[in-house]
PDB file of N, CA and C in Angstrom:
ATOM      1  N   MET A   1     -64.041  26.608  83.257  1.00  0.00           N
ATOM      2  CA  MET A   1     -62.789  25.949  82.960  1.00  0.00           C
ATOM      3  C   MET A   1     -62.372  26.311  81.539  1.00  0.00           C
ATOM      4  N   THR A   2     -61.132  26.761  81.398  1.00  0.00           N
ATOM      5  CA  THR A   2     -60.647  27.123  80.072  1.00  0.00           C
ATOM      6  C   THR A   2     -59.733  26.027  79.533  1.00  0.00           C
ATOM      7  N   ALA A   3     -59.759  25.829  78.259  1.00  0.00           N
ATOM      8  CA  ALA A   3     -58.924  24.812  77.632  1.00  0.00           C
ATOM      9  C   ALA A   3     -57.494  25.325  77.488  1.00  0.00           C
ATOM     10  N   SER A   4     -56.545  24.431  77.681  1.00  0.00           N
ATOM     11  CA  SER A   4     -55.140  24.772  77.504  1.00  0.00           C
ATOM     12  C   SER A   4     -54.803  24.733  76.017  1.00  0.00           C
ATOM     13  N   PRO A   5     -53.987  25.655  75.556  1.00  0.00           N
ATOM     14  CA  PRO A   5     -53.579  25.608  74.151  1.00  0.00           C
ATOM     15  C   PRO A   5     -52.586  24.471  73.875  1.00  0.00           C
ATOM     16  N   ARG A   6     -52.028  23.906  74.940  1.00  0.00           N
ATOM     17  CA  ARG A   6     -51.069  22.801  74.782  1.00  0.00           C
ATOM     18  C   ARG A   6     -51.794  21.471  74.898  1.00  0.00           C
ATOM     19  N   PRO A   7     -51.377  20.463  74.132  1.00  0.00           N
ATOM     20  CA  PRO A   7     -52.009  19.156  74.239  1.00  0.00           C
ATOM     21  C   PRO A   7     -51.684  18.498  75.580  1.00  0.00           C
ATOM     22  N   LEU A   8     -52.627  17.726  76.084  1.00  0.00           N
ATOM     23  CA  LEU A   8     -52.436  16.969  77.320  1.00  0.00           C
ATOM     24  C   LEU A   8     -52.108  15.536  76.944  1.00  0.00           C
ATOM     25  N   THR A   9     -51.039  14.997  77.519  1.00  0.00           N
ATOM     26  CA  THR A   9     -50.577  13.650  77.184  1.00  0.00           C
ATOM     27  C   THR A   9     -50.465  12.815  78.446  1.00  0.00           C
ATOM     28  N   LEU A  10     -51.040  11.615  78.410  1.00  0.00           N
ATOM     29  CA  LEU A  10     -50.935  10.647  79.497  1.00  0.00           C
ATOM     30  C   LEU A  10     -49.782   9.709  79.191  1.00  0.00           C
ATOM     31  N   VAL A  11     -48.847   9.585  80.136  1.00  0.00           N
ATOM     32  CA  VAL A  11     -47.723   8.663  79.989  1.00  0.00           C
ATOM     33  C   VAL A  11     -47.725   7.742  81.195  1.00  0.00           C
ATOM     34  N   THR A  12     -47.821   6.439  80.951  1.00  0.00           N
ATOM     35  CA  THR A  12     -47.756   5.467  82.032  1.00  0.00           C
ATOM     36  C   THR A  12     -46.345   4.903  82.113  1.00  0.00           C
ATOM     37  N   GLY A  13     -45.953   4.473  83.301  1.00  0.00           N
ATOM     38  CA  GLY A  13     -44.617   3.912  83.481  1.00  0.00           C
ATOM     39  C   GLY A  13     -43.524   4.948  83.362  1.00  0.00           C
ATOM     40  N   ALA A  14     -43.780   6.156  83.830  1.00  0.00           N
ATOM     41  CA  ALA A  14     -42.839   7.255  83.641  1.00  0.00           C
ATOM     42  C   ALA A  14     -41.673   7.262  84.620  1.00  0.00           C
ATOM     43  N   SER A  15     -41.544   6.236  85.448  1.00  0.00           N
ATOM     44  CA  SER A  15     -40.439   6.237  86.401  1.00  0.00           C
ATOM     45  C   SER A  15     -39.144   5.697  85.811  1.00  0.00           C
ATOM     46  N   SER A  16     -39.212   5.026  84.662  1.00  0.00           N
ATOM     47  CA  SER A  16     -37.980   4.501  84.073  1.00  0.00           C
ATOM     48  C   SER A  16     -38.197   4.094  82.623  1.00  0.00           C
ATOM     49  N   ALA A  17     -37.108   3.788  81.968  1.00  0.00           N
ATOM     50  CA  ALA A  17     -37.081   3.216  80.616  1.00  0.00           C
ATOM     51  C   ALA A  17     -37.904   4.023  79.617  1.00  0.00           C
ATOM     52  N   LEU A  18     -38.685   3.328  78.800  1.00  0.00           N
ATOM     53  CA  LEU A  18     -39.420   3.978  77.717  1.00  0.00           C
ATOM     54  C   LEU A  18     -40.417   5.016  78.208  1.00  0.00           C
ATOM     55  N   GLY A  19     -41.107   4.727  79.298  1.00  0.00           N
ATOM     56  CA  GLY A  19     -42.082   5.689  79.808  1.00  0.00           C
ATOM     57  C   GLY A  19     -41.439   7.019  80.154  1.00  0.00           C
ATOM     58  N   ALA A  20     -40.278   6.969  80.795  1.00  0.00           N
ATOM     59  CA  ALA A  20     -39.570   8.197  81.159  1.00  0.00           C
ATOM     60  C   ALA A  20     -39.114   8.942  79.906  1.00  0.00           C
ATOM     61  N   GLU A  21     -38.608   8.217  78.936  1.00  0.00           N
ATOM     62  CA  GLU A  21     -38.143   8.858  77.702  1.00  0.00           C
ATOM     63  C   GLU A  21     -39.305   9.486  76.921  1.00  0.00           C
ATOM     64  N   PHE A  22     -40.443   8.793  76.875  1.00  0.00           N
ATOM     65  CA  PHE A  22     -41.610   9.375  76.213  1.00  0.00           C
ATOM     66  C   PHE A  22     -42.063  10.646  76.930  1.00  0.00           C
ATOM     67  N   ALA A  23     -42.080  10.606  78.268  1.00  0.00           N
ATOM     68  CA  ALA A  23     -42.485  11.790  79.030  1.00  0.00           C
ATOM     69  C   ALA A  23     -41.564  12.967  78.729  1.00  0.00           C
ATOM     70  N   LEU A  24     -40.265  12.719  78.702  1.00  0.00           N
ATOM     71  CA  LEU A  24     -39.305  13.783  78.416  1.00  0.00           C
ATOM     72  C   LEU A  24     -39.474  14.310  76.989  1.00  0.00           C
ATOM     73  N   ALA A  25     -39.715  13.417  76.053  1.00  0.00           N
ATOM     74  CA  ALA A  25     -39.888  13.836  74.656  1.00  0.00           C
ATOM     75  C   ALA A  25     -41.144  14.692  74.492  1.00  0.00           C
ATOM     76  N   TYR A  26     -42.250  14.272  75.103  1.00  0.00           N
ATOM     77  CA  TYR A  26     -43.479  15.063  74.999  1.00  0.00           C
ATOM     78  C   TYR A  26     -43.338  16.407  75.715  1.00  0.00           C
ATOM     79  N   ALA A  27     -42.654  16.407  76.858  1.00  0.00           N
ATOM     80  CA  ALA A  27     -42.438  17.670  77.573  1.00  0.00           C
ATOM     81  C   ALA A  27     -41.612  18.630  76.722  1.00  0.00           C
ATOM     82  N   ALA A  28     -40.614  18.102  76.037  1.00  0.00           N
ATOM     83  CA  ALA A  28     -39.777  18.940  75.183  1.00  0.00           C
ATOM     84  C   ALA A  28     -40.568  19.546  74.028  1.00  0.00           C
ATOM     85  N   ARG A  29     -41.645  18.885  73.646  1.00  0.00           N
ATOM     86  CA  ARG A  29     -42.505  19.384  72.562  1.00  0.00           C
ATOM     87  C   ARG A  29     -43.618  20.299  73.078  1.00  0.00           C
ATOM     88  N   GLY A  30     -43.598  20.578  74.385  1.00  0.00           N
ATOM     89  CA  GLY A  30     -44.550  21.527  74.945  1.00  0.00           C
ATOM     90  C   GLY A  30     -45.860  20.935  75.431  1.00  0.00           C
ATOM     91  N   HIS A  31     -45.954  19.624  75.535  1.00  0.00           N
ATOM     92  CA  HIS A  31     -47.177  18.986  76.018  1.00  0.00           C
ATOM     93  C   HIS A  31     -47.302  19.143  77.533  1.00  0.00           C
ATOM     94  N   GLU A  32     -48.527  19.259  78.004  1.00  0.00           N
ATOM     95  CA  GLU A  32     -48.783  19.124  79.433  1.00  0.00           C
ATOM     96  C   GLU A  32     -48.841  17.632  79.691  1.00  0.00           C
ATOM     97  N   LEU A  33     -48.269  17.192  80.821  1.00  0.00           N
ATOM     98  CA  LEU A  33     -48.178  15.761  81.085  1.00  0.00           C
ATOM     99  C   LEU A  33     -49.008  15.343  82.287  1.00  0.00           C
ATOM    100  N   LEU A  34     -49.610  14.187  82.163  1.00  0.00           N
ATOM    101  CA  LEU A  34     -50.220  13.471  83.272  1.00  0.00           C
ATOM    102  C   LEU A  34     -49.472  12.151  83.293  1.00  0.00           C
ATOM    103  N   ILE A  35     -48.648  11.943  84.325  1.00  0.00           N
ATOM    104  CA  ILE A  35     -47.811  10.744  84.346  1.00  0.00           C
ATOM    105  C   ILE A  35     -48.164   9.843  85.518  1.00  0.00           C
ATOM    106  N   THR A  36     -47.930   8.550  85.321  1.00  0.00           N
ATOM    107  CA  THR A  36     -48.069   7.571  86.384  1.00  0.00           C
ATOM    108  C   THR A  36     -46.765   6.796  86.470  1.00  0.00           C
ATOM    109  N   ALA A  37     -46.471   6.292  87.670  1.00  0.00           N
ATOM    110  CA  ALA A  37     -45.249   5.523  87.868  1.00  0.00           C
ATOM    111  C   ALA A  37     -45.407   4.637  89.084  1.00  0.00           C
ATOM    112  N   ARG A  38     -44.749   3.503  89.067  1.00  0.00           N
ATOM    113  CA  ARG A  38     -44.777   2.610  90.235  1.00  0.00           C
ATOM    114  C   ARG A  38     -43.941   3.167  91.373  1.00  0.00           C
ATOM    115  N   ARG A  39     -42.801   3.762  91.011  1.00  0.00           N
ATOM    116  CA  ARG A  39     -41.885   4.274  92.035  1.00  0.00           C
ATOM    117  C   ARG A  39     -41.985   5.792  92.095  1.00  0.00           C
ATOM    118  N   PRO A  40     -42.468   6.330  93.197  1.00  0.00           N
ATOM    119  CA  PRO A  40     -42.594   7.790  93.308  1.00  0.00           C
ATOM    120  C   PRO A  40     -41.275   8.520  93.090  1.00  0.00           C
ATOM    121  N   ALA A  41     -40.166   7.960  93.539  1.00  0.00           N
ATOM    122  CA  ALA A  41     -38.878   8.626  93.356  1.00  0.00           C
ATOM    123  C   ALA A  41     -38.544   8.750  91.879  1.00  0.00           C
ATOM    124  N   GLY A  42     -38.823   7.731  91.113  1.00  0.00           N
ATOM    125  CA  GLY A  42     -38.567   7.782  89.680  1.00  0.00           C
ATOM    126  C   GLY A  42     -39.423   8.827  88.991  1.00  0.00           C
ATOM    127  N   ARG A  43     -40.657   8.960  89.434  1.00  0.00           N
ATOM    128  CA  ARG A  43     -41.562   9.966  88.866  1.00  0.00           C
ATOM    129  C   ARG A  43     -41.003  11.361  89.119  1.00  0.00           C
ATOM    130  N   GLY A  44     -40.497  11.599  90.318  1.00  0.00           N
ATOM    131  CA  GLY A  44     -39.918  12.898  90.647  1.00  0.00           C
ATOM    132  C   GLY A  44     -38.694  13.202  89.801  1.00  0.00           C
ATOM    133  N   ASN A  45     -37.855  12.186  89.583  1.00  0.00           N
ATOM    134  CA  ASN A  45     -36.676  12.385  88.739  1.00  0.00           C
ATOM    135  C   ASN A  45     -37.080  12.731  87.322  1.00  0.00           C
ATOM    136  N   CYS A  46     -38.115  12.083  86.825  1.00  0.00           N
ATOM    137  CA  CYS A  46     -38.593  12.367  85.476  1.00  0.00           C
ATOM    138  C   CYS A  46     -39.104  13.801  85.377  1.00  0.00           C
ATOM    139  N   LEU A  47     -39.832  14.246  86.378  1.00  0.00           N
ATOM    140  CA  LEU A  47     -40.362  15.606  86.372  1.00  0.00           C
ATOM    141  C   LEU A  47     -39.237  16.632  86.433  1.00  0.00           C
ATOM    142  N   ARG A  48     -38.239  16.390  87.268  1.00  0.00           N
ATOM    143  CA  ARG A  48     -37.110  17.314  87.364  1.00  0.00           C
ATOM    144  C   ARG A  48     -36.364  17.380  86.027  1.00  0.00           C
ATOM    145  N   SER A  49     -36.187  16.237  85.385  1.00  0.00           N
ATOM    146  CA  SER A  49     -35.515  16.228  84.087  1.00  0.00           C
ATOM    147  C   SER A  49     -36.296  17.018  83.054  1.00  0.00           C
ATOM    148  N   ALA A  50     -37.603  16.834  83.043  1.00  0.00           N
ATOM    149  CA  ALA A  50     -38.442  17.561  82.079  1.00  0.00           C
ATOM    150  C   ALA A  50     -38.390  19.050  82.351  1.00  0.00           C
ATOM    151  N   SER A  51     -38.396  19.445  83.608  1.00  0.00           N
ATOM    152  CA  SER A  51     -38.367  20.865  83.961  1.00  0.00           C
ATOM    153  C   SER A  51     -37.047  21.500  83.570  1.00  0.00           C
ATOM    154  N   SER A  52     -35.963  20.765  83.716  1.00  0.00           N
ATOM    155  CA  SER A  52     -34.650  21.336  83.424  1.00  0.00           C
ATOM    156  C   SER A  52     -34.426  21.510  81.925  1.00  0.00           C
ATOM    157  N   ARG A  53     -35.210  20.845  81.088  1.00  0.00           N
ATOM    158  CA  ARG A  53     -35.063  20.958  79.641  1.00  0.00           C
ATOM    159  C   ARG A  53     -35.810  22.160  79.070  1.00  0.00           C
ATOM    160  N   ASP A  54     -36.664  22.786  79.858  1.00  0.00           N
ATOM    161  CA  ASP A  54     -37.440  23.943  79.357  1.00  0.00           C
ATOM    162  C   ASP A  54     -36.570  25.145  79.145  1.00  0.00           C
TER     163      ASP A  54
END
């Protein structure tokens, strides 16, 4: 297993509000994300938003 040169960040509550904003901010800074969310649809929206900012 090789280490990633990018930091790994855990964000909880990434389906809305602060959790989603933190996930987007860390993604914009090049972090790899491990996210959790109560609502799967919200998690998907957060991931799509992060991907579109790259």
